[in-house]
Structure formats: C-alpha cells, structure tokens
Protein backbone atom coordinates (compact mmCIF):
# COMPACT_ATOMS: atom_id res chain seq x y z
CA MET A 1 0.06 -0.16 -0.13
CA LEU A 2 2.64 2.56 0.92
CA LYS A 3 4.72 1.57 -2.15
CA ARG A 4 1.70 2.66 -4.77
CA LEU A 5 0.88 5.54 -2.51
CA LEU A 6 4.41 6.94 -2.74
CA TYR A 7 4.30 5.93 -6.55
CA ILE A 8 1.64 7.87 -7.06
CA LEU A 9 2.73 10.74 -5.02
CA PHE A 10 6.45 11.08 -6.97
CA GLN A 11 5.55 8.60 -9.89
CA GLY A 12 2.50 10.31 -10.43
CA ASN A 13 4.27 13.79 -10.55
CA ILE A 14 2.14 14.87 -7.94
CA PHE A 15 4.94 16.14 -5.97
CA ILE A 16 6.62 17.89 -8.50
CA ALA A 17 3.52 19.62 -8.99
CA ILE A 18 3.56 20.79 -5.51
CA CYS A 19 7.32 21.84 -5.94
CA ALA A 20 6.08 24.13 -8.93
CA ALA A 21 3.33 26.11 -7.19
CA ALA A 22 5.45 26.57 -3.45
CA TYR A 23 8.02 28.03 -5.90
CA CYS A 24 5.35 30.87 -7.41
CA ILE A 25 4.43 31.06 -3.63
CA GLU A 26 8.46 31.75 -3.02
CA THR A 27 8.25 34.56 -5.66
CA ALA A 28 5.29 35.91 -3.85
CA TYR A 29 7.14 36.26 -0.65
CA ILE A 30 10.57 37.22 -2.10
CA PHE A 31 8.78 40.41 -3.30
CA ASP A 32 5.88 41.15 -0.38
CA LEU A 33 3.39 40.18 -2.89
CA GLN A 34 -0.29 39.79 -1.78
CA ILE A 35 -1.57 35.89 -1.71
CA GLU A 36 -5.46 36.69 -1.58
CA ASP A 37 -6.25 34.08 -4.29
CA LEU A 38 -5.01 30.66 -4.67
CA SER A 39 -6.29 30.55 -8.21
CA PHE A 40 -2.94 31.42 -10.01
CA TYR A 41 -1.05 28.55 -7.58
CA LEU A 42 -3.74 25.80 -8.29
CA TRP A 43 -3.10 26.51 -12.05
CA ILE A 44 0.28 26.08 -11.82
CA PHE A 45 -0.21 22.99 -9.91
CA PHE A 46 -2.49 21.38 -12.76
CA ALA A 47 -0.15 22.69 -15.35
CA THR A 48 2.88 21.52 -13.63
CA LEU A 49 1.09 17.90 -13.27
CA LEU A 50 -0.46 17.77 -16.76
CA ALA A 51 2.78 18.42 -18.25
CA TYR A 52 4.88 15.68 -16.50
CA ASN A 53 2.08 13.12 -16.98
CA LEU A 54 2.02 13.99 -20.58
CA HIS A 55 6.05 13.26 -20.08
CA SER A 56 5.17 10.27 -18.32
CA LEU A 57 2.95 9.20 -21.28
CA ALA A 58 5.31 9.75 -23.99
CA ALA A 59 7.62 7.51 -22.41
CA ILE A 60 5.49 4.71 -22.13
CA ARG A 61 4.50 5.08 -25.84
CA ASN A 62 7.89 5.07 -26.69
CA SER A 63 8.25 1.68 -24.67
CA ASP A 64 5.62 0.48 -26.34
CA ALA A 65 7.10 1.27 -29.93
CA ALA A 66 10.24 -0.29 -29.29
CA ASP A 67 8.43 -3.41 -27.99
CA GLN A 68 9.76 -3.45 -24.57
CA PRO A 69 6.03 -3.23 -22.91
CA LYS A 70 7.42 -5.36 -20.09
CA LEU A 71 9.57 -2.38 -19.04
CA VAL A 72 6.38 -0.17 -18.23
CA ASP A 73 4.95 -0.77 -14.81
CA PRO A 74 1.18 -1.56 -15.25
CA PHE A 75 0.24 0.54 -12.78
CA ALA A 76 1.60 3.16 -14.69
CA ARG A 77 -1.00 2.63 -17.25
CA ILE A 78 -3.77 3.25 -15.30
CA ILE A 79 -2.12 6.40 -13.04
CA HIS A 80 -0.68 8.52 -15.44
CA PRO A 81 -4.01 8.82 -18.28
CA PHE A 82 -5.98 9.15 -14.76
CA PHE A 83 -3.72 12.32 -13.59
CA THR A 84 -3.40 13.69 -17.44
CA GLY A 85 -6.99 14.04 -17.19
CA LEU A 86 -7.53 15.35 -14.25
CA ALA A 87 -4.84 17.74 -14.76
CA ALA A 88 -6.30 19.18 -17.94
CA ILE A 89 -9.87 19.44 -16.41
CA GLY A 90 -7.63 21.32 -13.74
CA THR A 91 -5.67 23.43 -15.71
CA GLY A 92 -8.59 24.08 -17.78
CA TYR A 93 -10.80 25.19 -15.12
CA TYR A 94 -8.14 27.66 -13.59
CA THR A 95 -7.48 29.26 -16.78
CA THR A 96 -10.81 30.81 -17.02
CA ARG A 97 -10.49 31.75 -13.06
CA ILE A 98 -6.94 33.74 -14.03
CA ASP A 99 -6.24 37.22 -15.70
CA MET A 100 -2.69 36.59 -16.93
CA GLY A 101 -3.57 40.07 -18.89
CA GLU A 102 -0.55 40.48 -21.62
CA HIS A 103 1.33 37.39 -20.30
CA TRP A 104 -0.48 34.80 -22.55
CA MET A 105 1.53 34.88 -25.36
CA VAL A 106 4.60 33.81 -22.84
CA VAL A 107 2.01 31.14 -21.78
CA LEU A 108 1.89 30.03 -24.90
CA LEU A 109 5.50 29.56 -25.62
CA THR A 110 6.76 27.93 -22.50
CA ALA A 111 3.39 25.51 -23.06
CA LEU A 112 4.96 24.46 -26.51
CA LEU A 113 8.83 24.37 -25.33
CA THR A 114 7.35 22.02 -22.82
CA ILE A 115 5.39 19.62 -25.52
CA GLY A 116 7.47 20.33 -27.81
CA TYR A 117 10.47 18.24 -24.41
CA SER A 118 8.57 14.91 -25.17
CA TYR A 119 6.73 15.49 -28.52
CA PRO A 120 7.94 16.53 -31.87
CA LEU A 121 5.88 19.54 -32.84
CA LEU A 122 4.30 19.39 -36.00
CA PHE A 123 6.21 22.17 -37.51
CA TRP A 124 9.72 21.05 -36.48
CA ARG A 125 11.12 19.41 -39.46
CA SER A 126 13.20 17.16 -37.87
CA LYS A 127 10.44 15.46 -36.04
CA ARG A 128 12.62 15.42 -32.90
CA LYS A 129 11.86 15.91 -29.60
CA LEU A 130 13.60 19.13 -27.67
CA ARG A 131 14.86 16.71 -25.15
CA GLU A 132 16.86 14.93 -27.77
CA TYR A 133 18.93 17.59 -28.50
CA GLY A 134 21.62 17.15 -25.48
CA ILE A 135 22.49 20.34 -23.75
CA ALA A 136 19.66 21.83 -25.32
CA LYS A 137 17.16 20.11 -22.92
CA VAL A 138 18.61 21.45 -19.96
CA ILE A 139 18.80 25.15 -20.82
CA ILE A 140 14.82 24.44 -21.85
CA LEU A 141 13.60 22.73 -18.90
CA ALA A 142 15.26 25.61 -16.47
CA LEU A 143 14.11 27.96 -19.06
CA VAL A 144 10.31 26.75 -18.35
CA TRP A 145 10.38 26.85 -14.91
CA THR A 146 12.16 29.80 -14.33
CA ILE A 147 9.38 31.68 -16.51
CA SER A 148 6.46 29.81 -14.91
CA THR A 149 7.46 30.84 -11.41
CA VAL A 150 9.17 33.94 -11.56
CA PHE A 151 7.96 35.88 -14.86
CA LEU A 152 4.20 34.64 -14.61
CA PRO A 153 3.66 35.39 -10.84
CA LEU A 154 4.78 38.82 -10.68
CA GLN A 155 2.48 39.72 -13.45
CA ASP A 156 2.75 43.44 -13.19
CA PRO A 157 5.01 44.59 -16.16
CA HIS A 158 6.76 47.40 -13.82
CA TRP A 159 8.41 44.72 -12.32
CA TYR A 160 10.62 43.66 -15.18
CA ALA A 161 12.65 47.05 -14.98
CA HIS A 162 13.98 46.35 -11.34
CA PRO A 163 17.24 44.85 -11.33
CA ILE A 164 16.54 42.30 -8.40
CA VAL A 165 13.79 40.57 -10.68
CA TRP A 166 16.37 39.46 -13.17
CA LEU A 167 18.94 38.33 -10.26
CA VAL A 168 16.41 36.32 -9.06
CA MET A 169 15.38 34.90 -12.45
CA ALA A 170 19.08 33.86 -13.01
CA ARG A 171 19.43 32.22 -9.44
CA ARG A 172 16.53 30.20 -10.42
CA PHE A 173 17.71 29.61 -13.74
CA LEU A 174 20.86 28.18 -12.41
CA PHE A 175 19.21 26.19 -9.50
CA MET A 176 17.04 24.46 -12.00
CA ILE A 177 20.17 23.44 -14.07
CA ALA A 178 21.77 22.57 -10.90
CA LEU A 179 19.21 20.38 -10.33
CA CYS A 180 18.33 18.70 -13.79
CA LEU A 181 22.25 17.88 -14.39
CA PRO A 182 22.17 15.26 -11.59
CA PHE A 183 19.45 13.53 -14.04
CA ASP A 184 21.73 13.61 -17.00
CA ILE A 185 24.29 12.15 -15.44
CA ARG A 186 22.09 9.48 -13.81
CA ASP A 187 20.66 9.01 -17.56
CA VAL A 188 24.78 9.26 -19.00
CA GLU A 189 24.94 5.64 -20.52
CA LYS A 190 21.42 5.41 -22.10
CA ASP A 191 21.60 9.05 -23.33
CA GLN A 192 25.14 7.95 -25.20
CA LEU A 193 23.40 4.98 -26.82
CA GLN A 194 20.82 6.92 -28.15
CA GLY A 195 23.39 9.46 -29.17
CA ILE A 196 22.33 12.46 -27.24
CA ALA A 197 24.88 14.42 -26.31
CA THR A 198 23.91 15.96 -22.86
CA VAL A 199 26.53 17.93 -20.84
CA PRO A 200 27.80 14.83 -18.79
CA ASN A 201 28.27 12.76 -22.14
CA VAL A 202 30.30 16.12 -23.56
CA ILE A 203 32.20 17.00 -20.81
CA GLY A 204 32.11 13.71 -18.76
CA VAL A 205 30.78 13.02 -15.19
CA GLN A 206 33.32 14.10 -12.92
CA ARG A 207 33.30 17.72 -14.76
CA THR A 208 29.84 17.92 -14.40
CA TYR A 209 29.93 17.56 -10.83
CA ARG A 210 32.17 20.27 -10.45
CA LEU A 211 30.13 22.32 -12.85
CA ILE A 212 27.12 21.79 -10.16
CA ASN A 213 29.04 23.00 -7.38
CA GLN A 214 30.32 26.02 -9.42
CA ILE A 215 26.93 26.71 -10.49
CA LEU A 216 25.45 26.61 -6.73
CA LEU A 217 28.56 28.92 -5.84
CA ALA A 218 27.24 31.30 -8.15
CA ILE A 219 23.44 30.98 -6.83
CA PHE A 220 24.84 32.19 -3.51
CA VAL A 221 26.80 34.95 -5.17
CA LEU A 222 23.72 36.26 -6.95
CA THR A 223 21.75 36.56 -3.41
CA MET A 224 23.85 38.62 -2.00
CA PRO A 225 22.80 42.04 -3.20
CA ALA A 226 19.61 40.98 -1.45
CA PHE A 227 22.27 40.76 1.83
CA PHE A 228 23.21 44.48 1.30
CA LEU A 229 19.60 45.56 0.61
CA GLY A 230 18.63 44.25 4.05
CA ALA A 231 16.76 40.83 3.04
CA TRP A 232 19.21 39.01 5.28
CA GLY A 233 16.24 36.27 5.70
CA ILE A 234 16.12 35.50 1.91
CA THR A 235 20.01 35.23 2.04
CA THR A 236 19.86 32.81 4.73
CA ALA A 237 17.50 30.88 3.33
CA ILE A 238 19.58 30.67 0.08
CA LEU A 239 22.42 29.70 1.37
CA PHE A 240 21.09 27.00 3.50
CA SER A 241 19.36 26.08 0.45
CA VAL A 242 22.43 25.64 -1.44
CA VAL A 243 24.36 23.87 1.59
CA PHE A 244 21.28 21.27 1.29
CA THR A 245 20.94 20.72 -2.15
CA GLY A 246 25.26 20.18 -2.28
CA ILE A 247 24.42 17.59 0.31
CA ILE A 248 22.02 15.71 -1.55
CA ILE A 249 23.68 15.58 -4.70
CA TYR A 250 26.74 14.33 -3.64
CA LEU A 251 24.49 11.55 -1.98
CA SER A 252 23.13 10.94 -5.27
CA ARG A 253 26.28 10.16 -6.71
CA GLN A 254 25.88 6.38 -4.84
CA ASN A 255 22.58 5.92 -4.21
CA LYS A 256 20.41 5.93 -7.89
CA HIS A 257 16.91 5.00 -6.21
CA ALA A 258 14.08 6.90 -7.92
CA LEU A 259 13.39 8.41 -4.59
CA MET A 260 16.92 9.94 -4.54
CA TYR A 261 15.78 11.99 -7.65
CA LEU A 262 11.92 12.39 -7.85
CA GLY A 263 11.68 13.03 -3.84
CA ALA A 264 15.14 14.24 -2.54
CA ILE A 265 16.62 16.45 -5.89
CA ASP A 266 13.19 17.55 -6.64
CA GLY A 267 12.17 18.26 -3.24
CA MET A 268 15.02 20.50 -2.91
CA ILE A 269 13.14 22.83 -4.94
CA LEU A 270 10.38 22.48 -2.14
CA LEU A 271 13.07 23.29 0.58
CA GLN A 272 14.11 26.62 -0.94
CA ALA A 273 10.15 27.47 -1.29
CA LEU A 274 9.72 26.50 2.94
CA LEU A 275 13.09 28.27 4.01
CA VAL A 276 12.22 31.40 2.24
CA THR A 277 9.15 31.29 3.58
CA PHE A 278 10.09 30.59 7.41
CA PHE A 279 13.09 33.12 6.94
CA VAL A 280 11.17 36.21 5.29
CA HIS A 281 8.48 35.85 8.07
CA LEU A 282 11.47 35.39 10.73
CA GLN A 283 12.59 38.72 9.67
CA LYS A 284 9.32 40.45 9.08
CA TYR A 285 8.13 39.18 12.26
CA GLY A 286 11.03 37.78 14.62
CA PHE A 287 13.16 40.14 14.71
C-alpha cells in the first residue's frame, strides 16, 4: 500500500507539481506580493501535473513502440492517463479563473516548449523532441521553470524594470540547471546509446559534478545583493538551500534509487520555498 502511495506521489508527478506551486509562492514572498487568491497557484499545480504526466505517457508510448512493453509498470498505464485527464480539467478550469493580461503569449511559448520537450511538434521539420538535443534540454527545462515560477507570478510589467527581478530569475535558472544535471548524470549511459549529447556525455561525469558545485556557488553570490539591501532572511534561506542541495547531490553519486531523484533532488525546490518563507517571516515578524 505504501509503495503504491509513494508511486502515486512521485511517479504520478503530484510531488513535482506541489514543488512548482511552492516555488511560485516563494516568488510572492520574495517580492512581498499579496496572496489573496490561490487560483494562479492551483493553475500552476495542475499545469505542471499535466506537463509531467504527458511526458510520462510519451515514455510509455516509446517503450511500446520499441517492443518493450514489459519495461512499463502496469500501474503506470492507469495512473498517468488518469492524472493527465484530471490535470487537463484542473488546468482548463483555473485558466478561466486567472487574468494573465499581456502574458498569454509567454504562456503559449512556455506550453509549446513543454510539449515539444516530450513530443515532436508538427511544424518541427526534424520530428525530434527537444529533449533529444542534449545540452539544450537542460536549458529549456530551466527556462520553462524560471518563466513559470518567477516571470508569471509577478504579472505586473512594472516589476520587469527592477534589477532584483532579473537577479532572482538568473538565480532560479541556475538552480534548476543544478537540479537537472544529476538526472543527466544518472541517464548518461542511456543517452549515450541514443546519441544524445548531454552535458555529462560532452564534458564527463566528474566535470559535470564540479560544474554543479560552481553553479551552486554562483547562486549564493547572486543572492548577496539581497543581503546588502537588508533582506538577510532571503540570503540565509538560499545559503541553507545551496548547502543542502550540494549534500543531496553528493549523496546521489552512490544512491541511484528513483526516490533520491524524484523525492530528494526535486525536493530541494520545495525545501528552498519553505526556507525562504520561514526566514522571510522570521525577519519580518521575529527580529
């Protein structure tokens, strides 16, 4: 029973959808936005749930096409179509409840990138999925997450002229790259067989780990302006987040279990959101 519940939570992509919504809430706390209506955050939750389950369905279809249906857990053939349908309904409903103003073109672009990651787009001549472009797939994933969890939650265009916004976007972009690279390391042999030139296949696994450490250091450096502007709570939260993420990624070198990646590494998104929320509240009301 517990195994099935964990499967639904992680393999069913509920957990990563929670992480996406939490990341948007983190953005709201960083910029001191009022959270009066949860419609936008529920829209992000269901849209993420839809995107990741569509990707899971694509993986099932690829296994069937390769005449390897036994590689797919029979439970997955029930769970992913169910959550895809549920997420589509939820996304559609909350789309009618939010007002994205001039941002709908950005939403459309993000949606196309998300779909193109798992499915070849009709107008894409090579008929290749975006994830098959190796290094580009990490950049695309990080870009989609950054737009969805920083750019869209702000909504008011006046924010985009503020340098701090772009620093937060850069930090979020780098953090997502740091979290995506361990997945590429895990899949290095499979990607090599498929001819996908991911970062580990280009520069090697050990250099990729060093790159991750350098990215984590850069993230903390990008947080220092917040400290000098008096936002020590955000700086402290990001410092703890960077340290914990570094530890988890180090542990993943030996532990290749699915929960290490879908739970612990992806969980660093949720941890960062919780840390930022806690320390921002601590600075605002505690000290």
